[in-house]
């Protein structure tokens, strides 16, 4: 099998094609007739943008475990929750006079979008 990427130069078009192929194949679709495998992790904390590289690395490692379980025929449940409380969020809200709900929805969406770009498969 010849690799699709021949050079060290990354073309975002190829990334989009690969992501579409994975999504179209329903590679990560849940199948209730196989053994289950649940991954429980602490939620990422909305600490600002960009999403901290340490958090991204942490979730990448967990994603490797989930992919290995999927390749071994397991039905992986990898839920995502975002920590939506704490003083940093409250201080940000007060400083910027943004409603807490609006800020948290935006931050949750942003973190979820970054995870999707990393092709982390959460359910």
PDB file of N, CA and C in Angstrom:
ATOM      1  N   UNK A   1       0.846  -1.167   0.000  1.00  0.00           N
ATOM      2  CA  UNK A   1       0.000   0.000   0.000  1.00  0.00           C
ATOM      3  C   UNK A   1       0.896   1.236   0.000  1.00  0.00           C
ATOM      4  N   UNK A   2       0.635   2.132  -0.907  1.00  0.00           N
ATOM      5  CA  UNK A   2       1.421   3.354  -1.014  1.00  0.00           C
ATOM      6  C   UNK A   2       0.762   4.470  -0.210  1.00  0.00           C
ATOM      7  N   UNK A   3       1.547   5.202   0.588  1.00  0.00           N
ATOM      8  CA  UNK A   3       0.947   6.287   1.369  1.00  0.00           C
ATOM      9  C   UNK A   3       0.370   7.373   0.479  1.00  0.00           C
ATOM     10  N   UNK A   4      -0.759   7.950   0.912  1.00  0.00           N
ATOM     11  CA  UNK A   4      -1.407   8.997   0.131  1.00  0.00           C
ATOM     12  C   UNK A   4      -0.584  10.279   0.148  1.00  0.00           C
ATOM     13  N   UNK A   5       0.077  10.553   1.249  1.00  0.00           N
ATOM     14  CA  UNK A   5       0.880  11.771   1.371  1.00  0.00           C
ATOM     15  C   UNK A   5       2.332  11.409   1.069  1.00  0.00           C
ATOM     16  N   UNK A   6       2.836  11.878  -0.044  1.00  0.00           N
ATOM     17  CA  UNK A   6       4.182  11.542  -0.483  1.00  0.00           C
ATOM     18  C   UNK A   6       5.235  12.521   0.034  1.00  0.00           C
ATOM     19  N   UNK A   7       4.831  13.737   0.349  1.00  0.00           N
ATOM     20  CA  UNK A   7       5.783  14.759   0.765  1.00  0.00           C
ATOM     21  C   UNK A   7       5.565  15.115   2.223  1.00  0.00           C
ATOM     22  N   UNK A   8       6.503  15.890   2.759  1.00  0.00           N
ATOM     23  CA  UNK A   8       6.365  16.364   4.134  1.00  0.00           C
ATOM     24  C   UNK A   8       5.533  17.635   4.206  1.00  0.00           C
ATOM     25  N   UNK A   9       5.090  18.141   3.072  1.00  0.00           N
ATOM     26  CA  UNK A   9       4.261  19.342   3.044  1.00  0.00           C
ATOM     27  C   UNK A   9       2.808  18.913   3.221  1.00  0.00           C
ATOM     28  N   UNK A  10       2.126  19.499   4.205  1.00  0.00           N
ATOM     29  CA  UNK A  10       0.748  19.111   4.495  1.00  0.00           C
ATOM     30  C   UNK A  10      -0.216  19.966   3.698  1.00  0.00           C
ATOM     31  N   UNK A  11      -1.132  19.321   3.007  1.00  0.00           N
ATOM     32  CA  UNK A  11      -2.160  20.011   2.235  1.00  0.00           C
ATOM     33  C   UNK A  11      -3.491  19.827   2.963  1.00  0.00           C
ATOM     34  N   UNK A  12      -4.092  20.918   3.466  1.00  0.00           N
ATOM     35  CA  UNK A  12      -5.366  20.798   4.194  1.00  0.00           C
ATOM     36  C   UNK A  12      -6.463  20.123   3.380  1.00  0.00           C
ATOM     37  N   UNK A  13      -6.387  20.193   2.058  1.00  0.00           N
ATOM     38  CA  UNK A  13      -7.383  19.534   1.209  1.00  0.00           C
ATOM     39  C   UNK A  13      -7.366  18.019   1.444  1.00  0.00           C
ATOM     40  N   UNK A  14      -6.180  17.458   1.593  1.00  0.00           N
ATOM     41  CA  UNK A  14      -6.066  16.017   1.842  1.00  0.00           C
ATOM     42  C   UNK A  14      -6.703  15.670   3.187  1.00  0.00           C
ATOM     43  N   UNK A  15      -6.476  16.524   4.191  1.00  0.00           N
ATOM     44  CA  UNK A  15      -7.074  16.284   5.508  1.00  0.00           C
ATOM     45  C   UNK A  15      -8.594  16.244   5.407  1.00  0.00           C
ATOM     46  N   UNK A  16      -9.174  17.183   4.667  1.00  0.00           N
ATOM     47  CA  UNK A  16     -10.634  17.211   4.487  1.00  0.00           C
ATOM     48  C   UNK A  16     -11.123  15.948   3.787  1.00  0.00           C
ATOM     49  N   UNK A  17     -10.387  15.509   2.776  1.00  0.00           N
ATOM     50  CA  UNK A  17     -10.772  14.290   2.042  1.00  0.00           C
ATOM     51  C   UNK A  17     -10.742  13.066   2.961  1.00  0.00           C
ATOM     52  N   UNK A  18      -9.694  12.963   3.752  1.00  0.00           N
ATOM     53  CA  UNK A  18      -9.567  11.820   4.660  1.00  0.00           C
ATOM     54  C   UNK A  18     -10.678  11.849   5.709  1.00  0.00           C
ATOM     55  N   UNK A  19     -10.929  13.032   6.292  1.00  0.00           N
ATOM     56  CA  UNK A  19     -11.985  13.152   7.302  1.00  0.00           C
ATOM     57  C   UNK A  19     -13.337  12.772   6.709  1.00  0.00           C
ATOM     58  N   UNK A  20     -13.623  13.241   5.480  1.00  0.00           N
ATOM     59  CA  UNK A  20     -14.894  12.924   4.820  1.00  0.00           C
ATOM     60  C   UNK A  20     -15.016  11.420   4.588  1.00  0.00           C
ATOM     61  N   UNK A  21     -13.939  10.793   4.147  1.00  0.00           N
ATOM     62  CA  UNK A  21     -13.954   9.344   3.906  1.00  0.00           C
ATOM     63  C   UNK A  21     -14.265   8.591   5.202  1.00  0.00           C
ATOM     64  N   UNK A  22     -13.662   9.007   6.312  1.00  0.00           N
ATOM     65  CA  UNK A  22     -13.918   8.361   7.601  1.00  0.00           C
ATOM     66  C   UNK A  22     -15.365   8.559   8.022  1.00  0.00           C
ATOM     67  N   UNK A  23     -15.875   9.783   7.856  1.00  0.00           N
ATOM     68  CA  UNK A  23     -17.257  10.057   8.256  1.00  0.00           C
ATOM     69  C   UNK A  23     -18.252   9.316   7.364  1.00  0.00           C
ATOM     70  N   UNK A  24     -17.998   9.278   6.052  1.00  0.00           N
ATOM     71  CA  UNK A  24     -18.896   8.577   5.128  1.00  0.00           C
ATOM     72  C   UNK A  24     -18.922   7.074   5.387  1.00  0.00           C
ATOM     73  N   UNK A  25     -17.793   6.514   5.805  1.00  0.00           N
ATOM     74  CA  UNK A  25     -17.727   5.069   6.049  1.00  0.00           C
ATOM     75  C   UNK A  25     -18.379   4.677   7.375  1.00  0.00           C
ATOM     76  N   UNK A  26     -18.763   5.693   8.182  1.00  0.00           N
ATOM     77  CA  UNK A  26     -19.374   5.460   9.501  1.00  0.00           C
ATOM     78  C   UNK A  26     -18.487   4.559  10.357  1.00  0.00           C
ATOM     79  N   UNK A  27     -17.207   4.791  10.233  1.00  0.00           N
ATOM     80  CA  UNK A  27     -16.200   4.023  10.941  1.00  0.00           C
ATOM     81  C   UNK A  27     -16.425   4.016  12.452  1.00  0.00           C
ATOM     82  N   UNK A  28     -16.971   5.113  12.971  1.00  0.00           N
ATOM     83  CA  UNK A  28     -17.142   5.244  14.415  1.00  0.00           C
ATOM     84  C   UNK A  28     -18.587   5.060  14.860  1.00  0.00           C
ATOM     85  N   UNK A  29     -19.417   4.488  14.014  1.00  0.00           N
ATOM     86  CA  UNK A  29     -20.823   4.284  14.352  1.00  0.00           C
ATOM     87  C   UNK A  29     -20.961   3.254  15.476  1.00  0.00           C
ATOM     88  N   UNK A  30     -21.901   3.487  16.359  1.00  0.00           N
ATOM     89  CA  UNK A  30     -22.138   2.618  17.510  1.00  0.00           C
ATOM     90  C   UNK A  30     -22.893   1.365  17.068  1.00  0.00           C
ATOM     91  N   UNK A  31     -22.412   0.200  17.476  1.00  0.00           N
ATOM     92  CA  UNK A  31     -23.059  -1.078  17.146  1.00  0.00           C
ATOM     93  C   UNK A  31     -23.399  -1.796  18.451  1.00  0.00           C
ATOM     94  N   UNK A  32     -24.679  -1.907  18.740  1.00  0.00           N
ATOM     95  CA  UNK A  32     -25.102  -2.479  20.025  1.00  0.00           C
ATOM     96  C   UNK A  32     -24.860  -3.984  20.135  1.00  0.00           C
ATOM     97  N   UNK A  33     -24.504  -4.642  19.052  1.00  0.00           N
ATOM     98  CA  UNK A  33     -24.309  -6.092  19.094  1.00  0.00           C
ATOM     99  C   UNK A  33     -22.870  -6.491  19.444  1.00  0.00           C
ATOM    100  N   UNK A  34     -22.005  -5.524  19.763  1.00  0.00           N
ATOM    101  CA  UNK A  34     -20.626  -5.842  20.133  1.00  0.00           C
ATOM    102  C   UNK A  34     -20.389  -5.492  21.594  1.00  0.00           C
ATOM    103  N   UNK A  35     -19.292  -6.011  22.149  1.00  0.00           N
ATOM    104  CA  UNK A  35     -18.937  -5.723  23.538  1.00  0.00           C
ATOM    105  C   UNK A  35     -18.676  -4.234  23.718  1.00  0.00           C
ATOM    106  N   UNK A  36     -19.129  -3.717  24.836  1.00  0.00           N
ATOM    107  CA  UNK A  36     -18.942  -2.304  25.126  1.00  0.00           C
ATOM    108  C   UNK A  36     -17.608  -2.009  25.792  1.00  0.00           C
ATOM    109  N   UNK A  37     -17.145  -0.786  25.618  1.00  0.00           N
ATOM    110  CA  UNK A  37     -15.912  -0.307  26.235  1.00  0.00           C
ATOM    111  C   UNK A  37     -16.134   1.169  26.540  1.00  0.00           C
ATOM    112  N   UNK A  38     -16.156   1.532  27.813  1.00  0.00           N
ATOM    113  CA  UNK A  38     -16.435   2.912  28.205  1.00  0.00           C
ATOM    114  C   UNK A  38     -15.169   3.591  28.697  1.00  0.00           C
ATOM    115  N   UNK A  39     -14.970   4.817  28.250  1.00  0.00           N
ATOM    116  CA  UNK A  39     -13.840   5.628  28.694  1.00  0.00           C
ATOM    117  C   UNK A  39     -14.412   6.808  29.464  1.00  0.00           C
ATOM    118  N   UNK A  40     -13.955   6.973  30.695  1.00  0.00           N
ATOM    119  CA  UNK A  40     -14.421   8.080  31.524  1.00  0.00           C
ATOM    120  C   UNK A  40     -13.220   8.965  31.832  1.00  0.00           C
ATOM    121  N   UNK A  41     -13.332  10.227  31.517  1.00  0.00           N
ATOM    122  CA  UNK A  41     -12.225  11.155  31.725  1.00  0.00           C
ATOM    123  C   UNK A  41     -12.719  12.407  32.439  1.00  0.00           C
ATOM    124  N   UNK A  42     -11.803  13.121  33.081  1.00  0.00           N
ATOM    125  CA  UNK A  42     -12.208  14.416  33.609  1.00  0.00           C
ATOM    126  C   UNK A  42     -12.479  15.351  32.438  1.00  0.00           C
ATOM    127  N   UNK A  43     -13.451  16.226  32.577  1.00  0.00           N
ATOM    128  CA  UNK A  43     -13.785  17.098  31.447  1.00  0.00           C
ATOM    129  C   UNK A  43     -12.716  18.158  31.216  1.00  0.00           C
ATOM    130  N   UNK A  44     -12.534  18.569  29.954  1.00  0.00           N
ATOM    131  CA  UNK A  44     -11.624  19.688  29.703  1.00  0.00           C
ATOM    132  C   UNK A  44     -12.215  20.957  30.305  1.00  0.00           C
ATOM    133  N   UNK A  45     -11.372  21.800  30.811  1.00  0.00           N
ATOM    134  CA  UNK A  45     -11.834  23.036  31.445  1.00  0.00           C
ATOM    135  C   UNK A  45     -11.747  24.181  30.443  1.00  0.00           C
ATOM    136  N   UNK A  46     -12.797  24.979  30.304  1.00  0.00           N
ATOM    137  CA  UNK A  46     -12.762  26.085  29.342  1.00  0.00           C
ATOM    138  C   UNK A  46     -11.863  27.214  29.846  1.00  0.00           C
ATOM    139  N   UNK A  47     -10.561  27.064  29.639  1.00  0.00           N
ATOM    140  CA  UNK A  47      -9.601  28.018  30.193  1.00  0.00           C
ATOM    141  C   UNK A  47      -9.140  29.046  29.166  1.00  0.00           C
ATOM    142  N   UNK A  48      -9.815  29.135  28.078  1.00  0.00           N
ATOM    143  CA  UNK A  48      -9.460  30.149  27.094  1.00  0.00           C
ATOM    144  C   UNK A  48      -9.003  29.561  25.781  1.00  0.00           C
ATOM    145  N   UNK A  49      -8.678  30.451  24.885  1.00  0.00           N
ATOM    146  CA  UNK A  49      -8.236  30.049  23.556  1.00  0.00           C
ATOM    147  C   UNK A  49      -6.808  30.480  23.352  1.00  0.00           C
ATOM    148  N   UNK A  50      -6.015  29.747  22.639  1.00  0.00           N
ATOM    149  CA  UNK A  50      -6.361  28.448  22.073  1.00  0.00           C
ATOM    150  C   UNK A  50      -6.469  27.386  23.167  1.00  0.00           C
ATOM    151  N   UNK A  51      -7.127  26.285  22.822  1.00  0.00           N
ATOM    152  CA  UNK A  51      -7.227  25.178  23.764  1.00  0.00           C
ATOM    153  C   UNK A  51      -5.807  24.776  24.122  1.00  0.00           C
ATOM    154  N   UNK A  52      -5.515  24.611  25.382  1.00  0.00           N
ATOM    155  CA  UNK A  52      -4.158  24.356  25.848  1.00  0.00           C
ATOM    156  C   UNK A  52      -3.595  23.087  25.216  1.00  0.00           C
ATOM    157  N   UNK A  53      -2.344  23.151  24.740  1.00  0.00           N
ATOM    158  CA  UNK A  53      -1.715  22.015  24.059  1.00  0.00           C
ATOM    159  C   UNK A  53      -1.637  20.793  24.974  1.00  0.00           C
ATOM    160  N   UNK A  54      -1.490  21.009  26.281  1.00  0.00           N
ATOM    161  CA  UNK A  54      -1.461  19.881  27.210  1.00  0.00           C
ATOM    162  C   UNK A  54      -2.781  19.131  27.231  1.00  0.00           C
ATOM    163  N   UNK A  55      -3.883  19.877  27.179  1.00  0.00           N
ATOM    164  CA  UNK A  55      -5.206  19.240  27.144  1.00  0.00           C
ATOM    165  C   UNK A  55      -5.390  18.484  25.834  1.00  0.00           C
ATOM    166  N   UNK A  56      -4.963  19.088  24.737  1.00  0.00           N
ATOM    167  CA  UNK A  56      -5.078  18.421  23.431  1.00  0.00           C
ATOM    168  C   UNK A  56      -4.248  17.137  23.418  1.00  0.00           C
ATOM    169  N   UNK A  57      -3.039  17.190  23.973  1.00  0.00           N
ATOM    170  CA  UNK A  57      -2.183  15.997  24.022  1.00  0.00           C
ATOM    171  C   UNK A  57      -2.821  14.918  24.894  1.00  0.00           C
ATOM    172  N   UNK A  58      -3.395  15.326  26.025  1.00  0.00           N
ATOM    173  CA  UNK A  58      -4.046  14.379  26.938  1.00  0.00           C
ATOM    174  C   UNK A  58      -5.185  13.642  26.224  1.00  0.00           C
ATOM    175  N   UNK A  59      -6.045  14.389  25.541  1.00  0.00           N
ATOM    176  CA  UNK A  59      -7.168  13.755  24.850  1.00  0.00           C
ATOM    177  C   UNK A  59      -6.708  12.935  23.652  1.00  0.00           C
ATOM    178  N   UNK A  60      -5.599  13.308  23.027  1.00  0.00           N
ATOM    179  CA  UNK A  60      -5.057  12.502  21.924  1.00  0.00           C
ATOM    180  C   UNK A  60      -4.633  11.128  22.428  1.00  0.00           C
ATOM    181  N   UNK A  61      -4.021  11.088  23.610  1.00  0.00           N
ATOM    182  CA  UNK A  61      -3.599   9.808  24.182  1.00  0.00           C
ATOM    183  C   UNK A  61      -4.809   8.924  24.493  1.00  0.00           C
ATOM    184  N   UNK A  62      -5.835   9.523  25.057  1.00  0.00           N
ATOM    185  CA  UNK A  62      -7.046   8.757  25.364  1.00  0.00           C
ATOM    186  C   UNK A  62      -7.703   8.281  24.070  1.00  0.00           C
ATOM    187  N   UNK A  63      -7.671   9.121  23.038  1.00  0.00           N
ATOM    188  CA  UNK A  63      -8.239   8.750  21.746  1.00  0.00           C
ATOM    189  C   UNK A  63      -7.515   7.536  21.164  1.00  0.00           C
ATOM    190  N   UNK A  64      -6.203   7.431  21.390  1.00  0.00           N
ATOM    191  CA  UNK A  64      -5.457   6.258  20.909  1.00  0.00           C
ATOM    192  C   UNK A  64      -5.983   4.985  21.570  1.00  0.00           C
ATOM    193  N   UNK A  65      -6.298   5.080  22.851  1.00  0.00           N
ATOM    194  CA  UNK A  65      -6.851   3.922  23.568  1.00  0.00           C
ATOM    195  C   UNK A  65      -8.209   3.546  22.976  1.00  0.00           C
ATOM    196  N   UNK A  66      -9.057   4.550  22.715  1.00  0.00           N
ATOM    197  CA  UNK A  66     -10.385   4.261  22.167  1.00  0.00           C
ATOM    198  C   UNK A  66     -10.282   3.660  20.766  1.00  0.00           C
ATOM    199  N   UNK A  67      -9.357   4.154  19.954  1.00  0.00           N
ATOM    200  CA  UNK A  67      -9.193   3.610  18.597  1.00  0.00           C
ATOM    201  C   UNK A  67      -8.708   2.161  18.636  1.00  0.00           C
ATOM    202  N   UNK A  68      -7.794   1.878  19.570  1.00  0.00           N
ATOM    203  CA  UNK A  68      -7.312   0.502  19.710  1.00  0.00           C
ATOM    204  C   UNK A  68      -8.463  -0.421  20.095  1.00  0.00           C
ATOM    205  N   UNK A  69      -9.301   0.022  21.027  1.00  0.00           N
ATOM    206  CA  UNK A  69     -10.457  -0.784  21.434  1.00  0.00           C
ATOM    207  C   UNK A  69     -11.397  -0.999  20.251  1.00  0.00           C
ATOM    208  N   UNK A  70     -11.628   0.041  19.444  1.00  0.00           N
ATOM    209  CA  UNK A  70     -12.493  -0.101  18.259  1.00  0.00           C
ATOM    210  C   UNK A  70     -11.900  -1.101  17.265  1.00  0.00           C
ATOM    211  N   UNK A  71     -10.585  -1.014  17.058  1.00  0.00           N
ATOM    212  CA  UNK A  71      -9.943  -1.936  16.111  1.00  0.00           C
ATOM    213  C   UNK A  71     -10.019  -3.375  16.603  1.00  0.00           C
ATOM    214  N   UNK A  72     -10.184  -3.550  17.914  1.00  0.00           N
ATOM    215  CA  UNK A  72     -10.330  -4.888  18.483  1.00  0.00           C
ATOM    216  C   UNK A  72     -11.790  -5.300  18.626  1.00  0.00           C
ATOM    217  N   UNK A  73     -12.680  -4.587  17.925  1.00  0.00           N
ATOM    218  CA  UNK A  73     -14.082  -4.976  17.859  1.00  0.00           C
ATOM    219  C   UNK A  73     -14.964  -4.470  18.983  1.00  0.00           C
ATOM    220  N   UNK A  74     -14.457  -3.598  19.835  1.00  0.00           N
ATOM    221  CA  UNK A  74     -15.261  -3.074  20.938  1.00  0.00           C
ATOM    222  C   UNK A  74     -16.141  -1.922  20.458  1.00  0.00           C
ATOM    223  N   UNK A  75     -17.265  -1.769  21.123  1.00  0.00           N
ATOM    224  CA  UNK A  75     -18.184  -0.667  20.875  1.00  0.00           C
ATOM    225  C   UNK A  75     -17.844   0.415  21.899  1.00  0.00           C
ATOM    226  N   UNK A  76     -17.093   1.432  21.492  1.00  0.00           N
ATOM    227  CA  UNK A  76     -16.524   2.402  22.426  1.00  0.00           C
ATOM    228  C   UNK A  76     -17.488   3.544  22.723  1.00  0.00           C
ATOM    229  N   UNK A  77     -17.684   3.816  24.008  1.00  0.00           N
ATOM    230  CA  UNK A  77     -18.448   4.968  24.464  1.00  0.00           C
ATOM    231  C   UNK A  77     -17.453   5.917  25.124  1.00  0.00           C
ATOM    232  N   UNK A  78     -17.208   7.056  24.489  1.00  0.00           N
ATOM    233  CA  UNK A  78     -16.222   8.035  24.937  1.00  0.00           C
ATOM    234  C   UNK A  78     -16.947   9.372  25.052  1.00  0.00           C
ATOM    235  N   UNK A  79     -17.668   9.597  26.172  1.00  0.00           N
ATOM    236  CA  UNK A  79     -18.476  10.811  26.298  1.00  0.00           C
ATOM    237  C   UNK A  79     -17.620  12.052  26.539  1.00  0.00           C
ATOM    238  N   UNK A  80     -18.158  13.187  26.191  1.00  0.00           N
ATOM    239  CA  UNK A  80     -17.478  14.455  26.431  1.00  0.00           C
ATOM    240  C   UNK A  80     -18.345  15.335  27.310  1.00  0.00           C
ATOM    241  N   UNK A  81     -17.752  15.839  28.353  1.00  0.00           N
ATOM    242  CA  UNK A  81     -18.406  16.839  29.186  1.00  0.00           C
ATOM    243  C   UNK A  81     -17.429  17.984  29.343  1.00  0.00           C
ATOM    244  N   UNK A  82     -17.946  19.180  29.458  1.00  0.00           N
ATOM    245  CA  UNK A  82     -17.069  20.340  29.632  1.00  0.00           C
ATOM    246  C   UNK A  82     -17.356  20.925  31.012  1.00  0.00           C
ATOM    247  N   UNK A  83     -16.311  21.152  31.783  1.00  0.00           N
ATOM    248  CA  UNK A  83     -16.465  21.716  33.115  1.00  0.00           C
ATOM    249  C   UNK A  83     -16.951  23.151  32.972  1.00  0.00           C
ATOM    250  N   UNK A  84     -18.134  23.405  33.465  1.00  0.00           N
ATOM    251  CA  UNK A  84     -18.762  24.706  33.240  1.00  0.00           C
ATOM    252  C   UNK A  84     -18.901  25.523  34.518  1.00  0.00           C
ATOM    253  N   UNK A  85     -17.978  25.369  35.424  1.00  0.00           N
ATOM    254  CA  UNK A  85     -18.083  26.159  36.645  1.00  0.00           C
ATOM    255  C   UNK A  85     -16.699  26.599  37.085  1.00  0.00           C
ATOM    256  N   UNK A  86     -16.659  27.381  38.117  1.00  0.00           N
ATOM    257  CA  UNK A  86     -15.377  27.787  38.663  1.00  0.00           C
ATOM    258  C   UNK A  86     -15.138  29.276  38.567  1.00  0.00           C
ATOM    259  N   UNK A  87     -14.212  29.722  39.370  1.00  0.00           N
ATOM    260  CA  UNK A  87     -13.901  31.134  39.474  1.00  0.00           C
ATOM    261  C   UNK A  87     -13.384  31.758  38.174  1.00  0.00           C
ATOM    262  N   UNK A  88     -12.504  31.106  37.393  1.00  0.00           N
ATOM    263  CA  UNK A  88     -12.043  31.748  36.161  1.00  0.00           C
ATOM    264  C   UNK A  88     -13.188  32.125  35.213  1.00  0.00           C
ATOM    265  N   UNK A  89     -14.179  31.262  35.107  1.00  0.00           N
ATOM    266  CA  UNK A  89     -15.319  31.556  34.236  1.00  0.00           C
ATOM    267  C   UNK A  89     -16.115  32.730  34.801  1.00  0.00           C
ATOM    268  N   UNK A  90     -16.329  32.718  36.109  1.00  0.00           N
ATOM    269  CA  UNK A  90     -17.078  33.805  36.741  1.00  0.00           C
ATOM    270  C   UNK A  90     -16.358  35.148  36.569  1.00  0.00           C
ATOM    271  N   UNK A  91     -15.052  35.165  36.778  1.00  0.00           N
ATOM    272  CA  UNK A  91     -14.286  36.407  36.634  1.00  0.00           C
ATOM    273  C   UNK A  91     -14.306  36.914  35.196  1.00  0.00           C
ATOM    274  N   UNK A  92     -14.175  35.996  34.255  1.00  0.00           N
ATOM    275  CA  UNK A  92     -14.234  36.392  32.846  1.00  0.00           C
ATOM    276  C   UNK A  92     -15.586  37.037  32.544  1.00  0.00           C
ATOM    277  N   UNK A  93     -16.635  36.428  33.038  1.00  0.00           N
ATOM    278  CA  UNK A  93     -17.988  36.932  32.795  1.00  0.00           C
ATOM    279  C   UNK A  93     -18.155  38.337  33.361  1.00  0.00           C
ATOM    280  N   UNK A  94     -17.724  38.505  34.602  1.00  0.00           N
ATOM    281  CA  UNK A  94     -17.852  39.820  35.225  1.00  0.00           C
ATOM    282  C   UNK A  94     -17.031  40.873  34.482  1.00  0.00           C
ATOM    283  N   UNK A  95     -15.825  40.517  34.099  1.00  0.00           N
ATOM    284  CA  UNK A  95     -14.930  41.465  33.423  1.00  0.00           C
ATOM    285  C   UNK A  95     -15.464  41.875  32.062  1.00  0.00           C
ATOM    286  N   UNK A  96     -16.005  40.949  31.338  1.00  0.00           N
ATOM    287  CA  UNK A  96     -16.437  41.217  29.969  1.00  0.00           C
ATOM    288  C   UNK A  96     -17.932  41.460  29.830  1.00  0.00           C
ATOM    289  N   UNK A  97     -18.658  41.368  30.931  1.00  0.00           N
ATOM    290  CA  UNK A  97     -20.107  41.607  30.942  1.00  0.00           C
ATOM    291  C   UNK A  97     -20.833  40.780  29.879  1.00  0.00           C
ATOM    292  N   UNK A  98     -20.443  39.544  29.777  1.00  0.00           N
ATOM    293  CA  UNK A  98     -21.085  38.605  28.869  1.00  0.00           C
ATOM    294  C   UNK A  98     -21.916  37.674  29.735  1.00  0.00           C
ATOM    295  N   UNK A  99     -23.112  37.358  29.285  1.00  0.00           N
ATOM    296  CA  UNK A  99     -23.916  36.449  30.100  1.00  0.00           C
ATOM    297  C   UNK A  99     -23.193  35.111  30.220  1.00  0.00           C
ATOM    298  N   UNK A 100     -23.247  34.524  31.399  1.00  0.00           N
ATOM    299  CA  UNK A 100     -22.540  33.277  31.656  1.00  0.00           C
ATOM    300  C   UNK A 100     -22.961  32.185  30.681  1.00  0.00           C
ATOM    301  N   UNK A 101     -24.250  32.078  30.410  1.00  0.00           N
ATOM    302  CA  UNK A 101     -24.732  31.049  29.485  1.00  0.00           C
ATOM    303  C   UNK A 101     -24.146  31.246  28.094  1.00  0.00           C
ATOM    304  N   UNK A 102     -24.125  32.482  27.638  1.00  0.00           N
ATOM    305  CA  UNK A 102     -23.583  32.767  26.303  1.00  0.00           C
ATOM    306  C   UNK A 102     -22.103  32.394  26.231  1.00  0.00           C
ATOM    307  N   UNK A 103     -21.339  32.760  27.221  1.00  0.00           N
ATOM    308  CA  UNK A 103     -19.904  32.483  27.261  1.00  0.00           C
ATOM    309  C   UNK A 103     -19.640  30.978  27.284  1.00  0.00           C
ATOM    310  N   UNK A 104     -20.367  30.239  28.103  1.00  0.00           N
ATOM    311  CA  UNK A 104     -20.121  28.812  28.237  1.00  0.00           C
ATOM    312  C   UNK A 104     -20.537  28.039  27.002  1.00  0.00           C
ATOM    313  N   UNK A 105     -21.642  28.434  26.380  1.00  0.00           N
ATOM    314  CA  UNK A 105     -22.048  27.777  25.133  1.00  0.00           C
ATOM    315  C   UNK A 105     -20.963  27.960  24.083  1.00  0.00           C
ATOM    316  N   UNK A 106     -20.448  29.185  23.988  1.00  0.00           N
ATOM    317  CA  UNK A 106     -19.406  29.487  23.003  1.00  0.00           C
ATOM    318  C   UNK A 106     -18.141  28.680  23.282  1.00  0.00           C
ATOM    319  N   UNK A 107     -17.715  28.638  24.544  1.00  0.00           N
ATOM    320  CA  UNK A 107     -16.491  27.920  24.898  1.00  0.00           C
ATOM    321  C   UNK A 107     -16.654  26.415  24.692  1.00  0.00           C
ATOM    322  N   UNK A 108     -17.807  25.867  25.061  1.00  0.00           N
ATOM    323  CA  UNK A 108     -18.065  24.441  24.854  1.00  0.00           C
ATOM    324  C   UNK A 108     -18.025  24.101  23.374  1.00  0.00           C
ATOM    325  N   UNK A 109     -18.640  24.953  22.563  1.00  0.00           N
ATOM    326  CA  UNK A 109     -18.620  24.734  21.117  1.00  0.00           C
ATOM    327  C   UNK A 109     -17.194  24.792  20.596  1.00  0.00           C
ATOM    328  N   UNK A 110     -16.423  25.760  21.058  1.00  0.00           N
ATOM    329  CA  UNK A 110     -15.061  25.944  20.562  1.00  0.00           C
ATOM    330  C   UNK A 110     -14.203  24.726  20.889  1.00  0.00           C
ATOM    331  N   UNK A 111     -14.277  24.224  22.130  1.00  0.00           N
ATOM    332  CA  UNK A 111     -13.497  23.051  22.513  1.00  0.00           C
ATOM    333  C   UNK A 111     -13.945  21.836  21.706  1.00  0.00           C
ATOM    334  N   UNK A 112     -15.246  21.648  21.555  1.00  0.00           N
ATOM    335  CA  UNK A 112     -15.756  20.519  20.766  1.00  0.00           C
ATOM    336  C   UNK A 112     -15.279  20.607  19.322  1.00  0.00           C
ATOM    337  N   UNK A 113     -15.269  21.809  18.761  1.00  0.00           N
ATOM    338  CA  UNK A 113     -14.808  21.996  17.378  1.00  0.00           C
ATOM    339  C   UNK A 113     -13.329  21.654  17.254  1.00  0.00           C
ATOM    340  N   UNK A 114     -12.511  22.039  18.234  1.00  0.00           N
ATOM    341  CA  UNK A 114     -11.080  21.711  18.197  1.00  0.00           C
ATOM    342  C   UNK A 114     -10.896  20.197  18.256  1.00  0.00           C
ATOM    343  N   UNK A 115     -11.681  19.531  19.104  1.00  0.00           N
ATOM    344  CA  UNK A 115     -11.582  18.075  19.199  1.00  0.00           C
ATOM    345  C   UNK A 115     -11.958  17.427  17.873  1.00  0.00           C
ATOM    346  N   UNK A 116     -12.978  17.974  17.213  1.00  0.00           N
ATOM    347  CA  UNK A 116     -13.391  17.429  15.919  1.00  0.00           C
ATOM    348  C   UNK A 116     -12.269  17.592  14.895  1.00  0.00           C
ATOM    349  N   UNK A 117     -11.599  18.741  14.898  1.00  0.00           N
ATOM    350  CA  UNK A 117     -10.492  18.954  13.970  1.00  0.00           C
ATOM    351  C   UNK A 117      -9.339  17.997  14.242  1.00  0.00           C
ATOM    352  N   UNK A 118      -9.170  17.610  15.511  1.00  0.00           N
ATOM    353  CA  UNK A 118      -8.125  16.650  15.859  1.00  0.00           C
ATOM    354  C   UNK A 118      -8.569  15.224  15.526  1.00  0.00           C
ATOM    355  N   UNK A 119      -9.781  15.090  15.039  1.00  0.00           N
ATOM    356  CA  UNK A 119     -10.394  13.808  14.707  1.00  0.00           C
ATOM    357  C   UNK A 119     -10.486  12.924  15.948  1.00  0.00           C
ATOM    358  N   UNK A 120     -10.687  13.545  17.114  1.00  0.00           N
ATOM    359  CA  UNK A 120     -10.972  12.778  18.326  1.00  0.00           C
ATOM    360  C   UNK A 120     -12.400  12.284  18.202  1.00  0.00           C
ATOM    361  N   UNK A 121     -12.643  11.040  18.455  1.00  0.00           N
ATOM    362  CA  UNK A 121     -13.980  10.477  18.302  1.00  0.00           C
ATOM    363  C   UNK A 121     -14.599  10.250  19.659  1.00  0.00           C
ATOM    364  N   UNK A 122     -15.429  11.191  20.043  1.00  0.00           N
ATOM    365  CA  UNK A 122     -16.128  11.127  21.321  1.00  0.00           C
ATOM    366  C   UNK A 122     -17.580  10.804  21.063  1.00  0.00           C
ATOM    367  N   UNK A 123     -18.231  10.202  22.014  1.00  0.00           N
ATOM    368  CA  UNK A 123     -19.643   9.890  21.848  1.00  0.00           C
ATOM    369  C   UNK A 123     -20.346  10.214  23.125  1.00  0.00           C
TER     370      UNK A 123
END
